[in-house]
Amino acid sequence: MDRDRFFSAEQAVDYGLVDRIIKERELRRTPSGFARAAAG
């Protein structure tokens, strides 16, 4: 029996494996805490 399945991001959402797709722009954020203090 073949059990391997490969989904696109949209298919994974439809199938219920993931809640949502994170966009690249959501990953960019300003440093906070110690990282902000070290940068400035």
PDB file of N, CA and C in Angstrom:
ATOM      1  N   MET A   1       0.840  -1.168   0.000  1.00  0.00           N
ATOM      2  CA  MET A   1       0.000   0.000   0.000  1.00  0.00           C
ATOM      3  C   MET A   1       0.895   1.244   0.000  1.00  0.00           C
ATOM      4  N   ASP A   2       0.591   2.197  -0.874  1.00  0.00           N
ATOM      5  CA  ASP A   2       1.348   3.429  -0.969  1.00  0.00           C
ATOM      6  C   ASP A   2       0.759   4.458  -0.019  1.00  0.00           C
ATOM      7  N   ARG A   3       1.562   4.911   0.952  1.00  0.00           N
ATOM      8  CA  ARG A   3       1.059   5.845   1.964  1.00  0.00           C
ATOM      9  C   ARG A   3       1.646   7.241   1.823  1.00  0.00           C
ATOM     10  N   ASP A   4       2.597   7.429   0.929  1.00  0.00           N
ATOM     11  CA  ASP A   4       3.210   8.741   0.759  1.00  0.00           C
ATOM     12  C   ASP A   4       2.266   9.656  -0.005  1.00  0.00           C
ATOM     13  N   ARG A   5       2.089  10.844   0.523  1.00  0.00           N
ATOM     14  CA  ARG A   5       1.282  11.861  -0.140  1.00  0.00           C
ATOM     15  C   ARG A   5       2.059  13.163  -0.114  1.00  0.00           C
ATOM     16  N   PHE A   6       2.005  13.878  -1.204  1.00  0.00           N
ATOM     17  CA  PHE A   6       2.659  15.175  -1.304  1.00  0.00           C
ATOM     18  C   PHE A   6       1.604  16.199  -1.667  1.00  0.00           C
ATOM     19  N   PHE A   7       1.535  17.265  -0.879  1.00  0.00           N
ATOM     20  CA  PHE A   7       0.531  18.295  -1.061  1.00  0.00           C
ATOM     21  C   PHE A   7       1.183  19.626  -1.395  1.00  0.00           C
ATOM     22  N   SER A   8       0.491  20.428  -2.180  1.00  0.00           N
ATOM     23  CA  SER A   8       0.890  21.822  -2.322  1.00  0.00           C
ATOM     24  C   SER A   8       0.451  22.523  -1.037  1.00  0.00           C
ATOM     25  N   ALA A   9       0.878  23.760  -0.864  1.00  0.00           N
ATOM     26  CA  ALA A   9       0.484  24.498   0.337  1.00  0.00           C
ATOM     27  C   ALA A   9      -1.038  24.633   0.414  1.00  0.00           C
ATOM     28  N   GLU A  10      -1.653  24.956  -0.701  1.00  0.00           N
ATOM     29  CA  GLU A  10      -3.107  25.135  -0.724  1.00  0.00           C
ATOM     30  C   GLU A  10      -3.836  23.821  -0.431  1.00  0.00           C
ATOM     31  N   GLN A  11      -3.334  22.729  -0.957  1.00  0.00           N
ATOM     32  CA  GLN A  11      -3.946  21.421  -0.716  1.00  0.00           C
ATOM     33  C   GLN A  11      -3.826  21.030   0.752  1.00  0.00           C
ATOM     34  N   ALA A  12      -2.706  21.363   1.384  1.00  0.00           N
ATOM     35  CA  ALA A  12      -2.517  21.040   2.799  1.00  0.00           C
ATOM     36  C   ALA A  12      -3.522  21.783   3.665  1.00  0.00           C
ATOM     37  N   VAL A  13      -3.819  23.039   3.316  1.00  0.00           N
ATOM     38  CA  VAL A  13      -4.837  23.801   4.047  1.00  0.00           C
ATOM     39  C   VAL A  13      -6.200  23.150   3.848  1.00  0.00           C
ATOM     40  N   ASP A  14      -6.537  22.830   2.600  1.00  0.00           N
ATOM     41  CA  ASP A  14      -7.829  22.217   2.296  1.00  0.00           C
ATOM     42  C   ASP A  14      -7.996  20.869   2.997  1.00  0.00           C
ATOM     43  N   TYR A  15      -6.916  20.120   3.098  1.00  0.00           N
ATOM     44  CA  TYR A  15      -6.956  18.790   3.707  1.00  0.00           C
ATOM     45  C   TYR A  15      -6.982  18.856   5.235  1.00  0.00           C
ATOM     46  N   GLY A  16      -6.604  20.015   5.796  1.00  0.00           N
ATOM     47  CA  GLY A  16      -6.617  20.191   7.243  1.00  0.00           C
ATOM     48  C   GLY A  16      -5.295  19.901   7.931  1.00  0.00           C
ATOM     49  N   LEU A  17      -4.219  19.784   7.168  1.00  0.00           N
ATOM     50  CA  LEU A  17      -2.908  19.513   7.771  1.00  0.00           C
ATOM     51  C   LEU A  17      -2.294  20.757   8.383  1.00  0.00           C
ATOM     52  N   VAL A  18      -2.590  21.915   7.813  1.00  0.00           N
ATOM     53  CA  VAL A  18      -2.088  23.189   8.320  1.00  0.00           C
ATOM     54  C   VAL A  18      -3.247  24.156   8.442  1.00  0.00           C
ATOM     55  N   ASP A  19      -3.085  25.168   9.309  1.00  0.00           N
ATOM     56  CA  ASP A  19      -4.144  26.154   9.503  1.00  0.00           C
ATOM     57  C   ASP A  19      -4.147  27.215   8.427  1.00  0.00           C
ATOM     58  N   ARG A  20      -2.951  27.696   8.087  1.00  0.00           N
ATOM     59  CA  ARG A  20      -2.857  28.742   7.082  1.00  0.00           C
ATOM     60  C   ARG A  20      -1.467  28.749   6.485  1.00  0.00           C
ATOM     61  N   ILE A  21      -1.308  29.495   5.398  1.00  0.00           N
ATOM     62  CA  ILE A  21      -0.030  29.628   4.715  1.00  0.00           C
ATOM     63  C   ILE A  21       0.575  30.963   5.139  1.00  0.00           C
ATOM     64  N   ILE A  22       1.803  30.924   5.613  1.00  0.00           N
ATOM     65  CA  ILE A  22       2.502  32.137   6.030  1.00  0.00           C
ATOM     66  C   ILE A  22       3.175  32.742   4.808  1.00  0.00           C
ATOM     67  N   LYS A  23       2.878  33.979   4.549  1.00  0.00           N
ATOM     68  CA  LYS A  23       3.477  34.702   3.430  1.00  0.00           C
ATOM     69  C   LYS A  23       4.867  35.190   3.819  1.00  0.00           C
ATOM     70  N   GLU A  24       5.738  35.380   2.836  1.00  0.00           N
ATOM     71  CA  GLU A  24       7.114  35.798   3.091  1.00  0.00           C
ATOM     72  C   GLU A  24       7.161  37.122   3.838  1.00  0.00           C
ATOM     73  N   ARG A  25       6.279  38.050   3.501  1.00  0.00           N
ATOM     74  CA  ARG A  25       6.300  39.355   4.160  1.00  0.00           C
ATOM     75  C   ARG A  25       5.944  39.258   5.637  1.00  0.00           C
ATOM     76  N   GLU A  26       5.250  38.210   6.052  1.00  0.00           N
ATOM     77  CA  GLU A  26       4.924  38.018   7.460  1.00  0.00           C
ATOM     78  C   GLU A  26       6.148  37.599   8.270  1.00  0.00           C
ATOM     79  N   LEU A  27       7.158  37.069   7.590  1.00  0.00           N
ATOM     80  CA  LEU A  27       8.357  36.593   8.275  1.00  0.00           C
ATOM     81  C   LEU A  27       9.310  37.732   8.599  1.00  0.00           C
ATOM     82  N   ARG A  28       9.174  38.856   7.884  1.00  0.00           N
ATOM     83  CA  ARG A  28      10.029  40.009   8.146  1.00  0.00           C
ATOM     84  C   ARG A  28       9.461  40.801   9.307  1.00  0.00           C
ATOM     85  N   ARG A  29      10.273  41.030  10.300  1.00  0.00           N
ATOM     86  CA  ARG A  29       9.846  41.835  11.428  1.00  0.00           C
ATOM     87  C   ARG A  29      11.043  42.570  12.002  1.00  0.00           C
ATOM     88  N   THR A  30      10.783  43.615  12.711  1.00  0.00           N
ATOM     89  CA  THR A  30      11.868  44.395  13.302  1.00  0.00           C
ATOM     90  C   THR A  30      12.380  43.683  14.548  1.00  0.00           C
ATOM     91  N   PRO A  31      13.676  43.809  14.805  1.00  0.00           N
ATOM     92  CA  PRO A  31      14.235  43.179  16.003  1.00  0.00           C
ATOM     93  C   PRO A  31      13.618  43.776  17.264  1.00  0.00           C
ATOM     94  N   SER A  32      13.516  42.978  18.279  1.00  0.00           N
ATOM     95  CA  SER A  32      12.990  43.444  19.560  1.00  0.00           C
ATOM     96  C   SER A  32      13.887  42.945  20.688  1.00  0.00           C
ATOM     97  N   GLY A  33      13.719  43.493  21.831  1.00  0.00           N
ATOM     98  CA  GLY A  33      14.462  43.038  23.006  1.00  0.00           C
ATOM     99  C   GLY A  33      15.952  43.271  22.865  1.00  0.00           C
ATOM    100  N   PHE A  34      16.764  42.276  23.193  1.00  0.00           N
ATOM    101  CA  PHE A  34      18.216  42.382  23.158  1.00  0.00           C
ATOM    102  C   PHE A  34      18.723  42.601  21.733  1.00  0.00           C
ATOM    103  N   ALA A  35      18.059  42.035  20.743  1.00  0.00           N
ATOM    104  CA  ALA A  35      18.483  42.215  19.349  1.00  0.00           C
ATOM    105  C   ALA A  35      18.366  43.685  18.940  1.00  0.00           C
ATOM    106  N   ARG A  36      17.306  44.347  19.367  1.00  0.00           N
ATOM    107  CA  ARG A  36      17.124  45.773  19.040  1.00  0.00           C
ATOM    108  C   ARG A  36      18.197  46.607  19.754  1.00  0.00           C
ATOM    109  N   ALA A  37      18.490  46.298  20.999  1.00  0.00           N
ATOM    110  CA  ALA A  37      19.500  47.048  21.760  1.00  0.00           C
ATOM    111  C   ALA A  37      20.881  46.881  21.133  1.00  0.00           C
ATOM    112  N   ALA A  38      21.206  45.691  20.650  1.00  0.00           N
ATOM    113  CA  ALA A  38      22.507  45.424  20.062  1.00  0.00           C
ATOM    114  C   ALA A  38      22.640  46.111  18.698  1.00  0.00           C
ATOM    115  N   ALA A  39      21.538  46.244  17.972  1.00  0.00           N
ATOM    116  CA  ALA A  39      21.577  46.843  16.634  1.00  0.00           C
ATOM    117  C   ALA A  39      21.668  48.359  16.708  1.00  0.00           C
ATOM    118  N   GLY A  40      21.181  48.968  17.767  1.00  0.00           N
ATOM    119  CA  GLY A  40      21.120  50.433  17.799  1.00  0.00           C
ATOM    120  C   GLY A  40      21.972  51.014  18.792  1.00  0.00           C
TER     121      GLY A  40
END
